[in-house]
N, C-alpha and C. Protein backbone atom coordinates (compact mmCIF):
# COMPACT_ATOMS: atom_id res chain seq x y z
N MET A 1 75.41 -62.87 -40.10
CA MET A 1 76.64 -62.15 -39.88
C MET A 1 76.54 -60.80 -40.58
N LYS A 2 76.97 -59.77 -39.90
CA LYS A 2 76.94 -58.43 -40.49
C LYS A 2 77.92 -58.36 -41.66
N PRO A 3 77.52 -57.68 -42.77
CA PRO A 3 78.40 -57.61 -43.93
C PRO A 3 79.81 -57.13 -43.61
N SER A 4 79.96 -56.21 -42.66
CA SER A 4 81.30 -55.69 -42.35
C SER A 4 82.18 -56.73 -41.68
N SER A 5 81.59 -57.80 -41.12
CA SER A 5 82.38 -58.80 -40.41
C SER A 5 82.63 -60.05 -41.26
N VAL A 6 82.22 -60.05 -42.53
CA VAL A 6 82.43 -61.21 -43.39
C VAL A 6 83.90 -61.25 -43.79
N PRO A 7 84.56 -62.39 -43.56
CA PRO A 7 85.97 -62.50 -43.96
C PRO A 7 86.13 -62.29 -45.46
N GLY A 8 87.32 -61.90 -45.87
CA GLY A 8 87.60 -61.73 -47.28
C GLY A 8 87.57 -63.05 -48.02
N PHE A 9 87.41 -62.96 -49.35
CA PHE A 9 87.31 -64.18 -50.16
C PHE A 9 88.55 -65.05 -50.00
N ALA A 10 89.73 -64.47 -50.02
CA ALA A 10 90.96 -65.25 -49.92
C ALA A 10 90.99 -66.08 -48.63
N GLU A 11 90.50 -65.50 -47.54
CA GLU A 11 90.46 -66.24 -46.28
C GLU A 11 89.46 -67.40 -46.36
N LEU A 12 88.30 -67.14 -46.96
CA LEU A 12 87.29 -68.19 -47.08
C LEU A 12 87.77 -69.34 -47.98
N ILE A 13 88.39 -69.00 -49.09
CA ILE A 13 88.83 -70.05 -50.01
C ILE A 13 90.02 -70.82 -49.44
N SER A 14 90.80 -70.18 -48.58
CA SER A 14 91.95 -70.88 -47.98
C SER A 14 91.48 -71.97 -47.03
N ASP A 15 90.27 -71.85 -46.50
CA ASP A 15 89.71 -72.85 -45.59
C ASP A 15 88.87 -73.89 -46.34
N CYS A 16 88.88 -73.81 -47.66
CA CYS A 16 88.10 -74.72 -48.50
C CYS A 16 88.98 -75.92 -48.88
N HIS A 17 88.40 -77.14 -48.85
CA HIS A 17 89.20 -78.34 -49.08
C HIS A 17 88.75 -79.19 -50.27
N ARG A 18 87.48 -79.08 -50.68
CA ARG A 18 86.97 -79.95 -51.75
C ARG A 18 86.42 -79.19 -52.94
N SER A 19 85.50 -78.25 -52.67
CA SER A 19 84.83 -77.59 -53.79
C SER A 19 84.44 -76.16 -53.44
N ALA A 20 84.48 -75.34 -54.47
CA ALA A 20 84.02 -73.96 -54.37
C ALA A 20 83.23 -73.68 -55.65
N VAL A 21 81.94 -73.41 -55.48
CA VAL A 21 81.11 -73.16 -56.66
C VAL A 21 80.53 -71.75 -56.56
N HIS A 22 80.40 -71.13 -57.72
CA HIS A 22 79.95 -69.74 -57.81
C HIS A 22 78.77 -69.68 -58.76
N LEU A 23 77.67 -69.12 -58.29
CA LEU A 23 76.47 -68.93 -59.12
C LEU A 23 76.29 -67.45 -59.34
N GLU A 24 76.30 -67.04 -60.62
CA GLU A 24 76.11 -65.64 -61.01
C GLU A 24 74.81 -65.54 -61.79
N MET A 25 73.98 -64.56 -61.45
CA MET A 25 72.66 -64.47 -62.08
C MET A 25 72.31 -63.10 -62.62
N ARG A 26 73.25 -62.18 -62.65
CA ARG A 26 72.97 -60.83 -63.13
C ARG A 26 73.50 -60.64 -64.55
N ASP A 27 72.89 -59.74 -65.29
CA ASP A 27 73.35 -59.41 -66.64
C ASP A 27 74.33 -58.26 -66.63
N VAL A 28 74.40 -57.53 -65.55
CA VAL A 28 75.29 -56.38 -65.44
C VAL A 28 75.83 -56.31 -64.01
N TYR A 29 77.14 -56.15 -63.92
CA TYR A 29 77.77 -55.89 -62.64
C TYR A 29 78.49 -54.55 -62.78
N GLY A 30 78.44 -53.76 -61.75
CA GLY A 30 79.12 -52.47 -61.74
C GLY A 30 80.11 -52.40 -60.62
N VAL A 31 80.88 -53.45 -60.44
CA VAL A 31 81.83 -53.55 -59.36
C VAL A 31 83.01 -52.61 -59.63
N ALA A 32 83.31 -51.76 -58.69
CA ALA A 32 84.33 -50.72 -58.88
C ALA A 32 85.67 -51.27 -59.31
N SER A 33 86.06 -52.43 -58.78
CA SER A 33 87.38 -52.98 -59.11
C SER A 33 87.50 -53.40 -60.57
N GLU A 34 86.38 -53.55 -61.27
CA GLU A 34 86.41 -53.94 -62.68
C GLU A 34 86.22 -52.76 -63.63
N ALA A 35 85.99 -51.58 -63.11
CA ALA A 35 85.62 -50.43 -63.95
C ALA A 35 86.66 -50.12 -65.02
N ASP A 36 87.93 -50.06 -64.66
CA ASP A 36 88.97 -49.75 -65.64
C ASP A 36 89.07 -50.85 -66.70
N ASP A 37 89.00 -52.08 -66.25
CA ASP A 37 89.10 -53.22 -67.17
C ASP A 37 87.94 -53.22 -68.17
N PHE A 38 86.73 -52.99 -67.68
CA PHE A 38 85.55 -52.96 -68.54
C PHE A 38 85.65 -51.81 -69.53
N ALA A 39 86.07 -50.65 -69.07
CA ALA A 39 86.21 -49.49 -69.96
C ALA A 39 87.25 -49.77 -71.05
N GLU A 40 88.34 -50.39 -70.68
CA GLU A 40 89.38 -50.73 -71.67
C GLU A 40 88.83 -51.73 -72.69
N TRP A 41 88.12 -52.73 -72.24
CA TRP A 41 87.53 -53.71 -73.15
C TRP A 41 86.54 -53.02 -74.10
N ARG A 42 85.73 -52.12 -73.57
CA ARG A 42 84.77 -51.39 -74.42
C ARG A 42 85.49 -50.58 -75.49
N ALA A 43 86.59 -49.96 -75.13
CA ALA A 43 87.32 -49.13 -76.07
C ALA A 43 88.08 -49.95 -77.12
N ARG A 44 88.59 -51.10 -76.72
CA ARG A 44 89.45 -51.88 -77.63
C ARG A 44 88.80 -53.13 -78.18
N GLY A 45 87.73 -53.59 -77.54
CA GLY A 45 87.03 -54.77 -78.03
C GLY A 45 87.74 -56.08 -77.78
N GLN A 46 88.70 -56.07 -76.89
CA GLN A 46 89.42 -57.30 -76.58
C GLN A 46 90.04 -57.21 -75.19
N ILE A 47 90.41 -58.35 -74.66
CA ILE A 47 91.11 -58.42 -73.40
C ILE A 47 92.58 -58.11 -73.69
N THR A 48 93.12 -57.13 -73.00
CA THR A 48 94.48 -56.66 -73.27
C THR A 48 95.46 -57.22 -72.25
N PRO A 49 96.76 -57.08 -72.52
CA PRO A 49 97.74 -57.49 -71.52
C PRO A 49 97.54 -56.76 -70.18
N GLY A 50 97.10 -55.51 -70.22
CA GLY A 50 96.81 -54.79 -68.98
C GLY A 50 95.69 -55.45 -68.19
N SER A 51 94.69 -55.94 -68.90
CA SER A 51 93.59 -56.65 -68.26
C SER A 51 94.08 -57.94 -67.62
N VAL A 52 94.91 -58.65 -68.33
CA VAL A 52 95.46 -59.90 -67.78
C VAL A 52 96.26 -59.59 -66.51
N ALA A 53 97.04 -58.53 -66.54
CA ALA A 53 97.83 -58.16 -65.36
C ALA A 53 96.92 -57.81 -64.18
N ARG A 54 95.82 -57.08 -64.44
CA ARG A 54 94.90 -56.72 -63.35
C ARG A 54 94.21 -57.95 -62.77
N ARG A 55 94.03 -58.97 -63.58
CA ARG A 55 93.37 -60.20 -63.12
C ARG A 55 94.34 -61.18 -62.47
N ARG A 56 95.62 -60.92 -62.55
CA ARG A 56 96.63 -61.86 -62.07
C ARG A 56 96.39 -62.32 -60.63
N PRO A 57 96.05 -61.45 -59.68
CA PRO A 57 95.83 -61.96 -58.31
C PRO A 57 94.72 -63.02 -58.26
N TRP A 58 93.64 -62.80 -59.00
CA TRP A 58 92.56 -63.79 -59.02
C TRP A 58 93.02 -65.08 -59.68
N LEU A 59 93.68 -64.96 -60.81
CA LEU A 59 94.13 -66.14 -61.55
C LEU A 59 95.13 -66.94 -60.73
N ASP A 60 96.01 -66.25 -60.02
CA ASP A 60 96.96 -66.94 -59.14
C ASP A 60 96.24 -67.66 -58.01
N LEU A 61 95.22 -67.01 -57.45
CA LEU A 61 94.44 -67.64 -56.37
C LEU A 61 93.73 -68.89 -56.88
N VAL A 62 93.17 -68.82 -58.08
CA VAL A 62 92.51 -70.00 -58.67
C VAL A 62 93.53 -71.12 -58.86
N ARG A 63 94.67 -70.81 -59.45
CA ARG A 63 95.70 -71.84 -59.68
C ARG A 63 96.14 -72.49 -58.37
N GLU A 64 96.36 -71.68 -57.35
CA GLU A 64 96.79 -72.20 -56.05
C GLU A 64 95.71 -73.09 -55.45
N THR A 65 94.47 -72.63 -55.53
CA THR A 65 93.35 -73.37 -54.94
C THR A 65 93.13 -74.70 -55.65
N VAL A 66 93.10 -74.66 -56.97
CA VAL A 66 92.92 -75.89 -57.76
C VAL A 66 94.13 -76.80 -57.55
N GLY A 67 95.30 -76.21 -57.43
CA GLY A 67 96.52 -76.99 -57.23
C GLY A 67 96.53 -77.79 -55.94
N ARG A 68 95.77 -77.34 -54.95
CA ARG A 68 95.70 -78.11 -53.70
C ARG A 68 94.48 -79.02 -53.65
N GLY A 69 93.83 -79.21 -54.84
CA GLY A 69 92.78 -80.22 -54.96
C GLY A 69 91.35 -79.73 -54.85
N VAL A 70 91.14 -78.43 -54.76
CA VAL A 70 89.78 -77.89 -54.69
C VAL A 70 89.24 -77.74 -56.11
N VAL A 71 88.05 -78.27 -56.35
CA VAL A 71 87.40 -78.11 -57.65
C VAL A 71 86.64 -76.79 -57.63
N MET A 72 86.96 -75.91 -58.59
CA MET A 72 86.28 -74.62 -58.68
C MET A 72 85.42 -74.60 -59.93
N ARG A 73 84.12 -74.33 -59.71
CA ARG A 73 83.17 -74.25 -60.83
C ARG A 73 82.37 -72.96 -60.72
N ARG A 74 82.05 -72.38 -61.88
CA ARG A 74 81.26 -71.15 -61.95
C ARG A 74 80.16 -71.37 -62.97
N ALA A 75 78.93 -71.03 -62.60
CA ALA A 75 77.79 -71.11 -63.51
C ALA A 75 77.17 -69.73 -63.62
N ARG A 76 76.94 -69.31 -64.86
CA ARG A 76 76.37 -67.99 -65.11
C ARG A 76 75.04 -68.13 -65.84
N ILE A 77 74.01 -67.53 -65.26
CA ILE A 77 72.70 -67.45 -65.91
C ILE A 77 72.64 -66.09 -66.58
N VAL A 78 72.39 -66.08 -67.90
CA VAL A 78 72.44 -64.83 -68.66
C VAL A 78 71.23 -64.70 -69.58
N SER A 79 70.80 -63.46 -69.78
CA SER A 79 69.76 -63.18 -70.76
C SER A 79 70.37 -63.24 -72.15
N VAL A 80 69.57 -63.68 -73.12
CA VAL A 80 70.00 -63.76 -74.51
C VAL A 80 69.01 -62.99 -75.36
N PRO A 81 69.47 -62.06 -76.22
CA PRO A 81 70.87 -61.76 -76.45
C PRO A 81 71.52 -61.18 -75.20
N VAL A 82 72.83 -61.39 -75.11
CA VAL A 82 73.55 -61.01 -73.90
C VAL A 82 73.80 -59.51 -73.85
N SER A 83 73.98 -59.01 -72.64
CA SER A 83 74.31 -57.60 -72.42
C SER A 83 75.77 -57.34 -72.82
N GLU A 84 76.11 -56.08 -72.94
CA GLU A 84 77.49 -55.72 -73.24
C GLU A 84 78.42 -56.23 -72.14
N TYR A 85 77.98 -56.15 -70.89
CA TYR A 85 78.81 -56.61 -69.79
C TYR A 85 79.07 -58.12 -69.90
N ILE A 86 78.05 -58.89 -70.27
CA ILE A 86 78.24 -60.33 -70.41
C ILE A 86 79.18 -60.64 -71.57
N ARG A 87 79.14 -59.86 -72.64
CA ARG A 87 80.12 -60.05 -73.72
C ARG A 87 81.54 -59.83 -73.18
N TYR A 88 81.70 -58.83 -72.34
CA TYR A 88 82.99 -58.57 -71.69
C TYR A 88 83.40 -59.76 -70.82
N GLU A 89 82.49 -60.25 -69.99
CA GLU A 89 82.81 -61.40 -69.14
C GLU A 89 83.21 -62.60 -69.99
N HIS A 90 82.44 -62.85 -71.04
CA HIS A 90 82.72 -63.99 -71.91
C HIS A 90 84.11 -63.85 -72.54
N ALA A 91 84.46 -62.65 -72.95
CA ALA A 91 85.76 -62.42 -73.60
C ALA A 91 86.93 -62.75 -72.69
N GLY A 92 86.77 -62.58 -71.40
CA GLY A 92 87.86 -62.84 -70.47
C GLY A 92 87.80 -64.17 -69.75
N THR A 93 86.75 -64.93 -69.95
CA THR A 93 86.58 -66.18 -69.21
C THR A 93 87.63 -67.22 -69.57
N TYR A 94 88.21 -67.13 -70.76
CA TYR A 94 89.27 -68.08 -71.11
C TYR A 94 90.41 -68.03 -70.09
N LEU A 95 90.62 -66.88 -69.46
CA LEU A 95 91.65 -66.77 -68.44
C LEU A 95 91.29 -67.58 -67.20
N ASN A 96 90.03 -67.51 -66.79
CA ASN A 96 89.57 -68.31 -65.64
C ASN A 96 89.75 -69.80 -65.93
N VAL A 97 89.32 -70.20 -67.13
CA VAL A 97 89.41 -71.61 -67.52
C VAL A 97 90.88 -72.04 -67.56
N GLY A 98 91.74 -71.20 -68.11
CA GLY A 98 93.16 -71.52 -68.17
C GLY A 98 93.80 -71.66 -66.80
N ALA A 99 93.25 -70.97 -65.82
CA ALA A 99 93.77 -71.05 -64.45
C ALA A 99 93.24 -72.27 -63.71
N GLY A 100 92.22 -72.94 -64.28
CA GLY A 100 91.72 -74.16 -63.66
C GLY A 100 90.27 -74.14 -63.23
N GLU A 101 89.59 -73.04 -63.45
CA GLU A 101 88.18 -72.93 -63.09
C GLU A 101 87.33 -73.46 -64.24
N SER A 102 86.32 -74.25 -63.95
CA SER A 102 85.36 -74.71 -64.96
C SER A 102 84.20 -73.72 -64.97
N VAL A 103 83.76 -73.33 -66.17
CA VAL A 103 82.70 -72.33 -66.30
C VAL A 103 81.64 -72.82 -67.29
N ARG A 104 80.39 -72.67 -66.89
CA ARG A 104 79.26 -72.96 -67.78
C ARG A 104 78.31 -71.78 -67.82
N TRP A 105 77.60 -71.67 -68.93
CA TRP A 105 76.66 -70.59 -69.19
C TRP A 105 75.28 -71.18 -69.43
N LEU A 106 74.25 -70.55 -68.87
CA LEU A 106 72.88 -71.01 -69.07
C LEU A 106 72.00 -69.82 -69.46
N PRO A 107 71.40 -69.88 -70.66
CA PRO A 107 70.46 -68.81 -71.01
C PRO A 107 69.32 -68.75 -69.99
N ARG A 108 68.95 -67.55 -69.61
CA ARG A 108 67.93 -67.34 -68.58
C ARG A 108 66.63 -68.09 -68.90
N ARG A 109 66.26 -68.13 -70.15
CA ARG A 109 65.04 -68.83 -70.56
C ARG A 109 65.09 -70.31 -70.13
N ASP A 110 66.28 -70.91 -70.19
CA ASP A 110 66.44 -72.32 -69.82
C ASP A 110 66.49 -72.52 -68.31
N ALA A 111 66.52 -71.44 -67.55
CA ALA A 111 66.52 -71.52 -66.09
C ALA A 111 65.15 -71.23 -65.50
N ALA A 112 64.16 -70.98 -66.35
CA ALA A 112 62.85 -70.53 -65.88
C ALA A 112 62.18 -71.51 -64.92
N THR A 113 62.44 -72.79 -65.05
CA THR A 113 61.77 -73.77 -64.19
C THR A 113 62.63 -74.22 -63.01
N LEU A 114 63.74 -73.54 -62.79
CA LEU A 114 64.61 -73.90 -61.67
C LEU A 114 64.30 -73.06 -60.44
N ALA A 115 64.40 -73.67 -59.28
CA ALA A 115 64.29 -72.94 -58.01
C ALA A 115 65.67 -72.37 -57.71
N LEU A 116 65.76 -71.04 -57.66
CA LEU A 116 67.05 -70.37 -57.49
C LEU A 116 67.04 -69.47 -56.26
N PRO A 117 68.20 -69.31 -55.62
CA PRO A 117 68.28 -68.36 -54.51
C PRO A 117 68.14 -66.94 -55.03
N GLY A 118 67.89 -66.02 -54.15
CA GLY A 118 67.66 -64.64 -54.54
C GLY A 118 68.91 -63.80 -54.69
N ALA A 119 70.08 -64.38 -54.57
CA ALA A 119 71.32 -63.63 -54.67
C ALA A 119 72.42 -64.51 -55.26
N ASP A 120 73.39 -63.87 -55.90
CA ASP A 120 74.59 -64.58 -56.34
C ASP A 120 75.26 -65.19 -55.10
N LEU A 121 76.06 -66.21 -55.33
CA LEU A 121 76.68 -66.86 -54.17
C LEU A 121 77.92 -67.64 -54.53
N TRP A 122 78.73 -67.85 -53.52
CA TRP A 122 79.78 -68.85 -53.51
C TRP A 122 79.37 -69.88 -52.46
N LEU A 123 79.57 -71.14 -52.76
CA LEU A 123 79.32 -72.21 -51.80
C LEU A 123 80.62 -72.98 -51.62
N PHE A 124 81.11 -73.02 -50.38
CA PHE A 124 82.38 -73.65 -50.05
C PHE A 124 82.14 -74.99 -49.39
N ASP A 125 82.66 -76.05 -49.99
CA ASP A 125 82.62 -77.41 -49.42
C ASP A 125 81.21 -77.84 -48.99
N ASP A 126 80.20 -77.36 -49.68
CA ASP A 126 78.81 -77.71 -49.34
C ASP A 126 78.51 -77.48 -47.85
N ARG A 127 79.11 -76.41 -47.29
CA ARG A 127 78.88 -76.14 -45.87
C ARG A 127 78.70 -74.66 -45.55
N LEU A 128 79.23 -73.78 -46.40
CA LEU A 128 79.19 -72.35 -46.11
C LEU A 128 78.89 -71.56 -47.37
N ILE A 129 77.88 -70.70 -47.29
CA ILE A 129 77.49 -69.85 -48.42
C ILE A 129 77.99 -68.43 -48.15
N ARG A 130 78.52 -67.82 -49.19
CA ARG A 130 78.84 -66.39 -49.16
C ARG A 130 77.94 -65.74 -50.22
N PHE A 131 76.85 -65.12 -49.75
CA PHE A 131 75.96 -64.42 -50.66
C PHE A 131 76.59 -63.10 -51.07
N GLY A 132 76.44 -62.74 -52.34
CA GLY A 132 76.87 -61.45 -52.83
C GLY A 132 75.65 -60.60 -53.13
N HIS A 133 75.56 -59.46 -52.50
CA HIS A 133 74.41 -58.57 -52.70
C HIS A 133 74.85 -57.41 -53.59
N PHE A 134 73.92 -56.96 -54.45
CA PHE A 134 74.22 -55.90 -55.41
C PHE A 134 73.08 -54.90 -55.45
N SER A 135 73.44 -53.67 -55.76
CA SER A 135 72.43 -52.62 -55.93
C SER A 135 71.81 -52.77 -57.33
N GLY A 136 70.81 -51.96 -57.61
CA GLY A 136 70.15 -52.03 -58.90
C GLY A 136 71.05 -51.78 -60.09
N ASP A 137 72.10 -50.97 -59.89
CA ASP A 137 73.02 -50.69 -61.00
C ASP A 137 74.21 -51.66 -61.02
N GLY A 138 74.17 -52.67 -60.18
CA GLY A 138 75.20 -53.70 -60.20
C GLY A 138 76.37 -53.47 -59.27
N ALA A 139 76.36 -52.38 -58.50
CA ALA A 139 77.45 -52.14 -57.55
C ALA A 139 77.34 -53.12 -56.38
N SER A 140 78.47 -53.48 -55.85
CA SER A 140 78.47 -54.38 -54.71
C SER A 140 77.77 -53.73 -53.52
N ALA A 141 76.89 -54.49 -52.88
CA ALA A 141 76.20 -54.02 -51.69
C ALA A 141 76.58 -54.88 -50.49
N GLY A 142 77.72 -55.56 -50.59
CA GLY A 142 78.23 -56.34 -49.48
C GLY A 142 77.98 -57.82 -49.61
N HIS A 143 78.49 -58.53 -48.61
CA HIS A 143 78.39 -59.99 -48.58
C HIS A 143 77.82 -60.44 -47.25
N GLU A 144 77.32 -61.65 -47.27
CA GLU A 144 76.71 -62.22 -46.07
C GLU A 144 77.03 -63.71 -46.05
N LEU A 145 77.38 -64.23 -44.88
CA LEU A 145 77.65 -65.65 -44.73
C LEU A 145 76.44 -66.36 -44.17
N CYS A 146 76.27 -67.61 -44.60
CA CYS A 146 75.17 -68.43 -44.11
C CYS A 146 75.63 -69.88 -44.08
N ASP A 147 75.39 -70.55 -42.94
CA ASP A 147 75.71 -71.97 -42.86
C ASP A 147 74.48 -72.79 -42.48
N ASP A 148 73.30 -72.20 -42.62
CA ASP A 148 72.06 -72.91 -42.34
C ASP A 148 71.94 -74.11 -43.28
N PRO A 149 71.80 -75.33 -42.75
CA PRO A 149 71.76 -76.52 -43.60
C PRO A 149 70.69 -76.48 -44.69
N ALA A 150 69.52 -75.93 -44.40
CA ALA A 150 68.47 -75.87 -45.42
C ALA A 150 68.86 -74.92 -46.55
N ALA A 151 69.47 -73.80 -46.21
CA ALA A 151 69.93 -72.85 -47.24
C ALA A 151 71.07 -73.45 -48.04
N VAL A 152 71.99 -74.14 -47.37
CA VAL A 152 73.10 -74.80 -48.08
C VAL A 152 72.55 -75.81 -49.07
N GLU A 153 71.58 -76.60 -48.66
CA GLU A 153 70.99 -77.60 -49.56
C GLU A 153 70.29 -76.93 -50.74
N LEU A 154 69.52 -75.87 -50.49
CA LEU A 154 68.85 -75.14 -51.57
C LEU A 154 69.87 -74.62 -52.57
N CYS A 155 70.93 -73.99 -52.08
CA CYS A 155 71.94 -73.40 -52.96
C CYS A 155 72.73 -74.46 -53.72
N ALA A 156 73.07 -75.55 -53.05
CA ALA A 156 73.79 -76.63 -53.71
C ALA A 156 72.93 -77.24 -54.82
N ASP A 157 71.66 -77.50 -54.52
CA ASP A 157 70.75 -78.05 -55.53
C ASP A 157 70.56 -77.09 -56.69
N ALA A 158 70.43 -75.80 -56.39
CA ALA A 158 70.26 -74.80 -57.44
C ALA A 158 71.49 -74.77 -58.34
N PHE A 159 72.66 -74.73 -57.74
CA PHE A 159 73.88 -74.70 -58.55
C PHE A 159 73.96 -75.93 -59.44
N GLU A 160 73.75 -77.10 -58.88
CA GLU A 160 73.86 -78.33 -59.68
C GLU A 160 72.84 -78.35 -60.81
N SER A 161 71.65 -77.83 -60.58
CA SER A 161 70.63 -77.77 -61.64
C SER A 161 71.09 -76.86 -62.77
N VAL A 162 71.65 -75.72 -62.42
CA VAL A 162 72.17 -74.80 -63.44
C VAL A 162 73.34 -75.45 -64.17
N TRP A 163 74.23 -76.08 -63.43
CA TRP A 163 75.41 -76.72 -64.01
C TRP A 163 75.01 -77.79 -65.02
N GLU A 164 74.04 -78.61 -64.65
CA GLU A 164 73.59 -79.70 -65.55
C GLU A 164 73.03 -79.16 -66.85
N ARG A 165 72.32 -78.05 -66.81
CA ARG A 165 71.71 -77.47 -68.00
C ARG A 165 72.65 -76.56 -68.78
N GLY A 166 73.71 -76.12 -68.13
CA GLY A 166 74.60 -75.13 -68.72
C GLY A 166 75.47 -75.69 -69.84
N THR A 167 75.99 -74.76 -70.63
CA THR A 167 76.90 -75.07 -71.73
C THR A 167 78.32 -74.71 -71.31
N PRO A 168 79.27 -75.64 -71.48
CA PRO A 168 80.66 -75.31 -71.14
C PRO A 168 81.13 -74.06 -71.90
N HIS A 169 81.98 -73.29 -71.25
CA HIS A 169 82.44 -72.03 -71.83
C HIS A 169 82.94 -72.20 -73.27
N GLU A 170 83.69 -73.25 -73.51
CA GLU A 170 84.31 -73.45 -74.82
C GLU A 170 83.27 -73.59 -75.93
N ARG A 171 82.03 -73.94 -75.59
CA ARG A 171 80.99 -74.13 -76.62
C ARG A 171 79.92 -73.05 -76.60
N PHE A 172 79.98 -72.13 -75.65
CA PHE A 172 78.96 -71.09 -75.54
C PHE A 172 79.39 -69.87 -76.33
N THR A 173 78.53 -69.44 -77.23
CA THR A 173 78.85 -68.27 -78.03
C THR A 173 77.92 -67.12 -77.64
N VAL A 174 78.45 -65.91 -77.75
CA VAL A 174 77.64 -64.72 -77.43
C VAL A 174 77.38 -63.94 -78.70
């Protein structure tokens, strides 16, 4: 599917009934929608009420999705010591967890023997993958959908392998 024809995340998650898992494998993201929030965190060293307000649409979507019985899990593979961006992500992850998302962290060294896909992804109900593509500086380079059974199996197995080795957010320190 051409990146321009990929439905928005809200539409994809609304059609999800059991599980939505997210695998993140980059140490730096430069997504434009997070630029102000990241800059504020860098300046103040903490997640501010303004940051919480900017995240409200996502947090509401997570609460609504989990509230209708969908299990949402996120696994992050990170280099250690972590990048400044990962410290920022870690600082705000308590909001995701509070909204109902389960999050685990896996040091990259502990992922060395895992077979992983070449892009970040969301996997919906073990049937549909939404790959996230990024440029070298972490800017979004679009999304792509895939429902090929072999790719779904590879991505599901990769996520579960990372999840099993990962540390729950509450116990992972940066």
